[in-house]
C-alpha atoms as a PDB file:
ATOM      1  CA  MET A   1      45.020 100.636  37.507  1.00  0.00           C
ATOM      2  CA  PHE A   2      46.421  98.966  34.362  1.00  0.00           C
ATOM      3  CA  ARG A   3      45.502 101.793  31.986  1.00  0.00           C
ATOM      4  CA  PRO A   4      49.078 103.188  31.809  1.00  0.00           C
ATOM      5  CA  TYR A   5      50.306  99.731  30.743  1.00  0.00           C
ATOM      6  CA  HIS A   6      47.548  98.945  28.261  1.00  0.00           C
ATOM      7  CA  HIS A   7      49.832  99.467  25.258  1.00  0.00           C
ATOM      8  CA  LEU A   8      52.254  96.832  26.609  1.00  0.00           C
ATOM      9  CA  PHE A   9      49.746  93.964  26.498  1.00  0.00           C
ATOM     10  CA  LYS A  10      49.631  92.167  23.164  1.00  0.00           C
ATOM     11  CA  SER A  11      46.445  90.629  21.830  1.00  0.00           C
ATOM     12  CA  TYR A  12      46.050  86.854  21.802  1.00  0.00           C
ATOM     13  CA  ARG A  13      47.047  85.249  18.546  1.00  0.00           C
ATOM     14  CA  ASP A  14      46.162  81.685  17.631  1.00  0.00           C
ATOM     15  CA  ALA A  15      49.152  79.409  17.112  1.00  0.00           C
ATOM     16  CA  SER A  16      47.971  78.242  13.707  1.00  0.00           C
ATOM     17  CA  LYS A  17      49.738  79.276  10.524  1.00  0.00           C
ATOM     18  CA  GLY A  18      48.551  82.128   8.388  1.00  0.00           C
ATOM     19  CA  ASP A  19      47.061  85.526   9.013  1.00  0.00           C
ATOM     20  CA  CYS A  20      45.121  86.232  12.185  1.00  0.00           C
ATOM     21  CA  TYR A  21      41.870  88.009  11.387  1.00  0.00           C
ATOM     22  CA  TYR A  22      40.843  88.927  14.935  1.00  0.00           C
ATOM     23  CA  LYS A  23      42.256  90.350  18.143  1.00  0.00           C
ATOM     24  CA  CYS A  24      41.455  89.004  21.567  1.00  0.00           C
ATOM     25  CA  THR A  25      42.611  91.489  24.177  1.00  0.00           C
ATOM     26  CA  LEU A  26      43.478  90.901  27.812  1.00  0.00           C
ATOM     27  CA  LEU A  27      40.328  92.797  28.760  1.00  0.00           C
ATOM     28  CA  GLN A  28      38.213  90.436  26.635  1.00  0.00           C
ATOM     29  CA  VAL A  29      39.871  87.413  28.249  1.00  0.00           C
ATOM     30  CA  LEU A  30      39.094  88.756  31.724  1.00  0.00           C
ATOM     31  CA  GLN A  31      35.518  89.545  30.697  1.00  0.00           C
ATOM     32  CA  GLY A  32      35.188  85.955  29.463  1.00  0.00           C
ATOM     33  CA  LEU A  33      36.463  84.661  32.800  1.00  0.00           C
ATOM     34  CA  GLU A  34      33.967  86.874  34.625  1.00  0.00           C
ATOM     35  CA  TYR A  35      31.181  85.477  32.414  1.00  0.00           C
ATOM     36  CA  ALA A  36      32.297  81.873  33.037  1.00  0.00           C
ATOM     37  CA  ILE A  37      32.285  82.432  36.794  1.00  0.00           C
ATOM     38  CA  LYS A  38      28.875  84.141  36.651  1.00  0.00           C
ATOM     39  CA  PHE A  39      27.328  81.167  34.842  1.00  0.00           C
ATOM     40  CA  ASP A  40      29.156  78.613  36.989  1.00  0.00           C
ATOM     41  CA  TRP A  41      31.172  77.272  34.055  1.00  0.00           C
ATOM     42  CA  TYR A  42      34.437  77.809  35.923  1.00  0.00           C
ATOM     43  CA  LYS A  43      35.033  77.065  39.583  1.00  0.00           C
ATOM     44  CA  PHE A  44      38.513  77.830  40.850  1.00  0.00           C
ATOM     45  CA  ARG A  45      38.381  75.350  43.743  1.00  0.00           C
ATOM     46  CA  THR A  46      37.207  72.370  41.691  1.00  0.00           C
ATOM     47  CA  PHE A  47      38.925  73.027  38.346  1.00  0.00           C
ATOM     48  CA  ASN A  48      40.829  69.865  37.342  1.00  0.00           C
ATOM     49  CA  VAL A  49      44.218  71.206  36.233  1.00  0.00           C
ATOM     50  CA  LYS A  50      45.684  67.761  35.473  1.00  0.00           C
ATOM     51  CA  GLU A  51      42.814  66.872  33.155  1.00  0.00           C
ATOM     52  CA  TYR A  52      43.029  70.269  31.460  1.00  0.00           C
ATOM     53  CA  GLU A  53      46.778  69.932  30.928  1.00  0.00           C
ATOM     54  CA  GLN A  54      46.382  66.422  29.505  1.00  0.00           C
ATOM     55  CA  TYR A  55      43.775  67.307  26.902  1.00  0.00           C
ATOM     56  CA  GLU A  56      45.195  70.707  25.940  1.00  0.00           C
ATOM     57  CA  ARG A  57      48.328  69.020  24.619  1.00  0.00           C
ATOM     58  CA  VAL A  58      48.259  68.706  20.822  1.00  0.00           C
ATOM     59  CA  GLU A  59      49.140  65.017  20.944  1.00  0.00           C
ATOM     60  CA  ASN A  60      46.087  64.409  23.173  1.00  0.00           C
ATOM     61  CA  GLY A  61      43.621  66.195  20.911  1.00  0.00           C
ATOM     62  CA  ASP A  62      44.167  69.855  21.835  1.00  0.00           C
ATOM     63  CA  LEU A  63      40.658  70.106  23.227  1.00  0.00           C
ATOM     64  CA  ASN A  64      39.032  72.312  25.837  1.00  0.00           C
ATOM     65  CA  TRP A  65      35.526  72.679  27.156  1.00  0.00           C
ATOM     66  CA  ILE A  66      34.146  76.141  26.441  1.00  0.00           C
ATOM     67  CA  ILE A  67      30.793  75.432  28.089  1.00  0.00           C
ATOM     68  CA  PRO A  68      31.241  72.319  30.276  1.00  0.00           C
ATOM     69  CA  GLY A  69      29.353  69.330  28.921  1.00  0.00           C
ATOM     70  CA  LYS A  70      27.909  71.329  26.011  1.00  0.00           C
ATOM     71  CA  PHE A  71      30.495  73.011  23.783  1.00  0.00           C
ATOM     72  CA  MET A  72      34.070  71.918  23.181  1.00  0.00           C
ATOM     73  CA  ALA A  73      36.780  73.452  21.004  1.00  0.00           C
ATOM     74  CA  PHE A  74      39.460  71.201  19.559  1.00  0.00           C
ATOM     75  CA  MET A  75      41.998  70.830  16.818  1.00  0.00           C
ATOM     76  CA  GLY A  76      40.328  69.753  13.601  1.00  0.00           C
ATOM     77  CA  PRO A  77      40.499  66.071  12.780  1.00  0.00           C
ATOM     78  CA  ILE A  78      43.030  64.908  10.218  1.00  0.00           C
ATOM     79  CA  GLU A  79      42.009  62.128   7.863  1.00  0.00           C
ATOM     80  CA  LYS A  80      45.583  61.402   6.732  1.00  0.00           C
ATOM     81  CA  ARG A  81      48.862  62.818   7.966  1.00  0.00           C
ATOM     82  CA  ASP A  82      51.598  63.889   5.622  1.00  0.00           C
ATOM     83  CA  ALA A  83      55.315  63.750   6.408  1.00  0.00           C
ATOM     84  CA  ASN A  84      55.237  67.194   8.077  1.00  0.00           C
ATOM     85  CA  GLN A  85      52.319  66.518  10.454  1.00  0.00           C
ATOM     86  CA  ARG A  86      53.402  65.053  13.768  1.00  0.00           C
ATOM     87  CA  TYR A  87      50.088  65.541  15.548  1.00  0.00           C
ATOM     88  CA  GLY A  88      46.412  65.472  14.865  1.00  0.00           C
ATOM     89  CA  HIS A  89      43.844  62.774  15.265  1.00  0.00           C
ATOM     90  CA  HIS A  90      41.662  60.823  12.904  1.00  0.00           C
ATOM     91  CA  PRO A  91      37.945  61.475  13.590  1.00  0.00           C
ATOM     92  CA  ASN A  92      37.633  57.996  15.175  1.00  0.00           C
ATOM     93  CA  LYS A  93      40.136  59.008  17.856  1.00  0.00           C
ATOM     94  CA  TYR A  94      37.927  61.947  18.866  1.00  0.00           C
ATOM     95  CA  VAL A  95      34.939  59.611  19.069  1.00  0.00           C
ATOM     96  CA  GLU A  96      36.826  57.620  21.726  1.00  0.00           C
ATOM     97  CA  THR A  97      37.367  60.825  23.725  1.00  0.00           C
ATOM     98  CA  PHE A  98      33.742  61.879  23.540  1.00  0.00           C
END
């Protein structure tokens, strides 16, 4: 169904600076969603959008559960900020969250 449009979809690219050394295609994203549903890691009806939107913001830690209650991805802690860094948390701030 989408095959004729495949060339129009760009791969995911992390927002961090520097070169991106991987490609994450739309197909891979959908396969990941299928996997999450299969293992009951994602439930459409009970997914807490407000909580997700709060914690995915950089100023709130930029964190997301990959496997609920077991594996979380988040922005790396910053020991000291320089004049150009507006966001990022000290490790102690993440301890509060966990």
